[in-house]
Amino acid sequence: MNILSKDIVKEWNISSLPEAKQQEMIDRIGRIMYQAILVKSLDILSQDEQDELDQLLNVDSTTPQEVLLFLKSKIPTFEQLVIEERKNLKEDLVIENI
């Protein structure tokens, strides 16, 4: 599993869903988190690092995992950023479902 999908099944309590549905949920949550992390990272990266990120994103063969590894190498607090975004997303979704 990648950086974003690690422990999602347990954290989001979706283990009772069929495996295909679990994978669909992991993919959806992962995409939302990926986008949130990209946006948040732009506030942290220097202009030169943002330019590097743009170059990386402009390569068709670049995977989201490669982008996350790049961000992890440039942002010392990347792991904390991921934890915060996971928490924020979960809180946002819980509030929307009330």
N, C-alpha and C. Protein backbone atom coordinates (compact mmCIF):
# COMPACT_ATOMS: atom_id res chain seq x y z
N MET A 1 0.85 -1.19 0.00
CA MET A 1 0.00 0.00 0.00
C MET A 1 0.89 1.24 0.00
N ASN A 2 0.37 2.30 -0.56
CA ASN A 2 1.18 3.51 -0.64
C ASN A 2 1.05 4.37 0.61
N ILE A 3 1.73 5.49 0.59
CA ILE A 3 1.78 6.40 1.74
C ILE A 3 0.38 6.79 2.21
N LEU A 4 -0.52 7.05 1.28
CA LEU A 4 -1.84 7.56 1.66
C LEU A 4 -2.82 6.46 2.05
N SER A 5 -2.70 5.27 1.48
CA SER A 5 -3.70 4.24 1.76
C SER A 5 -3.36 3.39 2.97
N LYS A 6 -2.17 3.58 3.51
CA LYS A 6 -1.75 2.80 4.67
C LYS A 6 -2.74 3.00 5.82
N ASP A 7 -3.27 1.90 6.30
CA ASP A 7 -4.17 1.89 7.46
C ASP A 7 -5.54 2.53 7.23
N ILE A 8 -5.89 2.89 6.01
CA ILE A 8 -7.20 3.51 5.75
C ILE A 8 -8.33 2.55 6.11
N VAL A 9 -8.18 1.28 5.79
CA VAL A 9 -9.23 0.29 6.08
C VAL A 9 -9.53 0.30 7.57
N LYS A 10 -8.50 0.29 8.38
CA LYS A 10 -8.68 0.27 9.84
C LYS A 10 -9.18 1.62 10.34
N GLU A 11 -8.51 2.69 9.91
CA GLU A 11 -8.83 4.02 10.40
C GLU A 11 -10.26 4.44 10.07
N TRP A 12 -10.72 4.09 8.87
CA TRP A 12 -12.05 4.51 8.43
C TRP A 12 -13.11 3.44 8.70
N ASN A 13 -12.68 2.34 9.34
CA ASN A 13 -13.60 1.27 9.72
C ASN A 13 -14.41 0.75 8.53
N ILE A 14 -13.69 0.40 7.46
CA ILE A 14 -14.37 -0.10 6.27
C ILE A 14 -14.06 -1.57 6.02
N SER A 15 -13.55 -2.25 7.02
CA SER A 15 -13.17 -3.66 6.87
C SER A 15 -14.37 -4.57 6.63
N SER A 16 -15.57 -4.13 7.01
CA SER A 16 -16.75 -4.96 6.81
C SER A 16 -17.27 -4.89 5.37
N LEU A 17 -16.76 -3.96 4.59
CA LEU A 17 -17.18 -3.84 3.20
C LEU A 17 -16.53 -4.93 2.36
N PRO A 18 -17.18 -5.30 1.24
CA PRO A 18 -16.52 -6.25 0.32
C PRO A 18 -15.19 -5.67 -0.15
N GLU A 19 -14.25 -6.55 -0.48
CA GLU A 19 -12.91 -6.11 -0.83
C GLU A 19 -12.89 -5.10 -1.98
N ALA A 20 -13.74 -5.29 -2.98
CA ALA A 20 -13.78 -4.34 -4.10
C ALA A 20 -14.24 -2.96 -3.64
N LYS A 21 -15.21 -2.93 -2.75
CA LYS A 21 -15.70 -1.65 -2.22
C LYS A 21 -14.63 -1.00 -1.34
N GLN A 22 -13.91 -1.81 -0.56
CA GLN A 22 -12.82 -1.28 0.25
C GLN A 22 -11.79 -0.60 -0.65
N GLN A 23 -11.42 -1.26 -1.74
CA GLN A 23 -10.43 -0.68 -2.65
C GLN A 23 -10.94 0.61 -3.28
N GLU A 24 -12.22 0.63 -3.62
CA GLU A 24 -12.82 1.85 -4.17
C GLU A 24 -12.74 3.00 -3.16
N MET A 25 -13.04 2.71 -1.91
CA MET A 25 -12.99 3.73 -0.87
C MET A 25 -11.55 4.20 -0.63
N ILE A 26 -10.60 3.26 -0.61
CA ILE A 26 -9.19 3.61 -0.44
C ILE A 26 -8.76 4.53 -1.58
N ASP A 27 -9.16 4.20 -2.79
CA ASP A 27 -8.80 5.03 -3.96
C ASP A 27 -9.39 6.43 -3.85
N ARG A 28 -10.65 6.51 -3.47
CA ARG A 28 -11.31 7.82 -3.35
C ARG A 28 -10.68 8.68 -2.26
N ILE A 29 -10.48 8.09 -1.10
CA ILE A 29 -9.87 8.81 0.02
C ILE A 29 -8.45 9.22 -0.35
N GLY A 30 -7.73 8.31 -0.99
CA GLY A 30 -6.36 8.60 -1.41
C GLY A 30 -6.28 9.77 -2.38
N ARG A 31 -7.20 9.82 -3.35
CA ARG A 31 -7.21 10.93 -4.32
C ARG A 31 -7.49 12.26 -3.63
N ILE A 32 -8.44 12.26 -2.73
CA ILE A 32 -8.78 13.50 -2.01
C ILE A 32 -7.60 13.95 -1.16
N MET A 33 -6.97 13.02 -0.48
CA MET A 33 -5.82 13.37 0.36
C MET A 33 -4.65 13.84 -0.49
N TYR A 34 -4.42 13.19 -1.61
CA TYR A 34 -3.34 13.58 -2.51
C TYR A 34 -3.50 15.04 -2.93
N GLN A 35 -4.70 15.39 -3.32
CA GLN A 35 -4.97 16.77 -3.74
C GLN A 35 -4.78 17.75 -2.58
N ALA A 36 -5.25 17.38 -1.41
CA ALA A 36 -5.11 18.26 -0.24
C ALA A 36 -3.64 18.45 0.13
N ILE A 37 -2.86 17.38 0.03
CA ILE A 37 -1.44 17.46 0.36
C ILE A 37 -0.70 18.33 -0.66
N LEU A 38 -1.06 18.19 -1.94
CA LEU A 38 -0.43 19.04 -2.96
C LEU A 38 -0.69 20.52 -2.68
N VAL A 39 -1.93 20.86 -2.39
CA VAL A 39 -2.29 22.26 -2.12
C VAL A 39 -1.54 22.77 -0.89
N LYS A 40 -1.55 21.99 0.18
CA LYS A 40 -0.88 22.40 1.42
C LYS A 40 0.63 22.53 1.20
N SER A 41 1.19 21.67 0.39
CA SER A 41 2.64 21.69 0.14
C SER A 41 3.08 22.96 -0.56
N LEU A 42 2.23 23.51 -1.40
CA LEU A 42 2.60 24.73 -2.12
C LEU A 42 2.87 25.88 -1.17
N ASP A 43 2.21 25.88 -0.02
CA ASP A 43 2.45 26.92 0.99
C ASP A 43 3.80 26.74 1.68
N ILE A 44 4.32 25.53 1.64
CA ILE A 44 5.55 25.21 2.37
C ILE A 44 6.79 25.28 1.48
N LEU A 45 6.66 24.85 0.23
CA LEU A 45 7.80 24.78 -0.68
C LEU A 45 8.29 26.17 -1.09
N SER A 46 9.60 26.27 -1.29
CA SER A 46 10.17 27.50 -1.84
C SER A 46 9.78 27.62 -3.31
N GLN A 47 10.01 28.77 -3.89
CA GLN A 47 9.68 28.95 -5.31
C GLN A 47 10.46 27.97 -6.19
N ASP A 48 11.73 27.76 -5.88
CA ASP A 48 12.54 26.80 -6.65
C ASP A 48 11.98 25.39 -6.52
N GLU A 49 11.56 25.02 -5.32
CA GLU A 49 10.98 23.69 -5.11
C GLU A 49 9.64 23.56 -5.82
N GLN A 50 8.86 24.64 -5.83
CA GLN A 50 7.60 24.63 -6.56
C GLN A 50 7.86 24.44 -8.06
N ASP A 51 8.91 25.08 -8.56
CA ASP A 51 9.28 24.91 -9.97
C ASP A 51 9.68 23.47 -10.26
N GLU A 52 10.42 22.86 -9.34
CA GLU A 52 10.80 21.45 -9.49
C GLU A 52 9.56 20.56 -9.50
N LEU A 53 8.63 20.87 -8.61
CA LEU A 53 7.38 20.11 -8.54
C LEU A 53 6.60 20.25 -9.84
N ASP A 54 6.53 21.46 -10.37
CA ASP A 54 5.84 21.68 -11.65
C ASP A 54 6.47 20.84 -12.75
N GLN A 55 7.80 20.82 -12.79
CA GLN A 55 8.48 20.02 -13.81
C GLN A 55 8.15 18.54 -13.65
N LEU A 56 8.13 18.08 -12.43
CA LEU A 56 7.80 16.68 -12.15
C LEU A 56 6.37 16.37 -12.58
N LEU A 57 5.45 17.27 -12.27
CA LEU A 57 4.04 17.06 -12.61
C LEU A 57 3.79 17.13 -14.11
N ASN A 58 4.66 17.81 -14.84
CA ASN A 58 4.49 17.95 -16.29
C ASN A 58 4.97 16.73 -17.07
N VAL A 59 5.61 15.80 -16.41
CA VAL A 59 6.05 14.57 -17.05
C VAL A 59 4.89 13.57 -16.99
N ASP A 60 4.44 13.13 -18.15
CA ASP A 60 3.27 12.25 -18.22
C ASP A 60 3.43 10.96 -17.43
N SER A 61 4.64 10.47 -17.33
CA SER A 61 4.85 9.18 -16.66
C SER A 61 5.00 9.29 -15.14
N THR A 62 4.97 10.51 -14.60
CA THR A 62 5.11 10.70 -13.14
C THR A 62 3.88 10.14 -12.43
N THR A 63 4.14 9.34 -11.41
CA THR A 63 3.05 8.76 -10.62
C THR A 63 2.80 9.61 -9.37
N PRO A 64 1.62 9.50 -8.79
CA PRO A 64 1.36 10.20 -7.53
C PRO A 64 2.37 9.78 -6.45
N GLN A 65 2.77 8.53 -6.45
CA GLN A 65 3.73 8.05 -5.45
C GLN A 65 5.06 8.79 -5.61
N GLU A 66 5.49 9.03 -6.84
CA GLU A 66 6.74 9.77 -7.07
C GLU A 66 6.61 11.22 -6.59
N VAL A 67 5.45 11.81 -6.79
CA VAL A 67 5.22 13.18 -6.32
C VAL A 67 5.28 13.22 -4.81
N LEU A 68 4.65 12.26 -4.16
CA LEU A 68 4.67 12.23 -2.69
C LEU A 68 6.08 12.00 -2.16
N LEU A 69 6.85 11.17 -2.82
CA LEU A 69 8.23 10.96 -2.39
C LEU A 69 9.06 12.23 -2.57
N PHE A 70 8.80 12.96 -3.65
CA PHE A 70 9.47 14.26 -3.85
C PHE A 70 9.12 15.21 -2.71
N LEU A 71 7.84 15.31 -2.40
CA LEU A 71 7.41 16.21 -1.32
C LEU A 71 8.02 15.79 0.01
N LYS A 72 8.07 14.49 0.24
CA LYS A 72 8.65 13.98 1.48
C LYS A 72 10.13 14.37 1.58
N SER A 73 10.82 14.38 0.44
CA SER A 73 12.24 14.74 0.45
C SER A 73 12.46 16.24 0.64
N LYS A 74 11.46 17.05 0.35
CA LYS A 74 11.60 18.51 0.43
C LYS A 74 11.00 19.12 1.69
N ILE A 75 10.06 18.41 2.30
CA ILE A 75 9.34 18.95 3.45
C ILE A 75 9.69 18.11 4.68
N PRO A 76 10.49 18.67 5.59
CA PRO A 76 10.90 17.90 6.77
C PRO A 76 9.72 17.41 7.62
N THR A 77 8.65 18.13 7.61
CA THR A 77 7.48 17.77 8.43
C THR A 77 6.39 17.07 7.59
N PHE A 78 6.81 16.41 6.52
CA PHE A 78 5.84 15.80 5.60
C PHE A 78 4.94 14.78 6.29
N GLU A 79 5.52 13.93 7.12
CA GLU A 79 4.71 12.91 7.81
C GLU A 79 3.62 13.56 8.66
N GLN A 80 3.96 14.65 9.35
CA GLN A 80 2.98 15.37 10.15
C GLN A 80 1.91 15.99 9.28
N LEU A 81 2.32 16.52 8.11
CA LEU A 81 1.36 17.09 7.17
C LEU A 81 0.34 16.04 6.73
N VAL A 82 0.82 14.84 6.43
CA VAL A 82 -0.08 13.75 6.02
C VAL A 82 -1.05 13.41 7.14
N ILE A 83 -0.54 13.31 8.35
CA ILE A 83 -1.39 12.99 9.51
C ILE A 83 -2.47 14.06 9.69
N GLU A 84 -2.07 15.33 9.59
CA GLU A 84 -3.03 16.42 9.74
C GLU A 84 -4.09 16.40 8.64
N GLU A 85 -3.68 16.14 7.41
CA GLU A 85 -4.65 16.11 6.32
C GLU A 85 -5.59 14.93 6.44
N ARG A 86 -5.10 13.80 6.90
CA ARG A 86 -5.97 12.64 7.15
C ARG A 86 -7.02 13.01 8.19
N LYS A 87 -6.56 13.63 9.27
CA LYS A 87 -7.46 14.03 10.35
C LYS A 87 -8.49 15.05 9.84
N ASN A 88 -8.03 16.05 9.11
CA ASN A 88 -8.93 17.08 8.58
C ASN A 88 -9.98 16.48 7.66
N LEU A 89 -9.56 15.58 6.78
CA LEU A 89 -10.50 14.96 5.85
C LEU A 89 -11.55 14.16 6.61
N LYS A 90 -11.10 13.38 7.56
CA LYS A 90 -12.04 12.56 8.34
C LYS A 90 -13.04 13.46 9.07
N GLU A 91 -12.54 14.53 9.68
CA GLU A 91 -13.44 15.46 10.38
C GLU A 91 -14.41 16.11 9.40
N ASP A 92 -13.94 16.52 8.25
CA ASP A 92 -14.80 17.16 7.24
C ASP A 92 -15.91 16.21 6.79
N LEU A 93 -15.55 14.95 6.57
CA LEU A 93 -16.55 13.98 6.10
C LEU A 93 -17.55 13.63 7.19
N VAL A 94 -17.11 13.58 8.42
CA VAL A 94 -18.02 13.29 9.54
C VAL A 94 -19.01 14.43 9.69
N ILE A 95 -18.52 15.67 9.63
CA ILE A 95 -19.38 16.83 9.75
C ILE A 95 -20.41 16.88 8.62
N GLU A 96 -19.97 16.56 7.39
CA GLU A 96 -20.89 16.58 6.25
C GLU A 96 -21.98 15.54 6.39
N ASN A 97 -21.70 14.44 7.08
CA ASN A 97 -22.69 13.37 7.21
C ASN A 97 -23.59 13.51 8.41
N ILE A 98 -23.45 14.60 9.15
CA ILE A 98 -24.32 14.83 10.32
C ILE A 98 -25.63 15.43 9.86
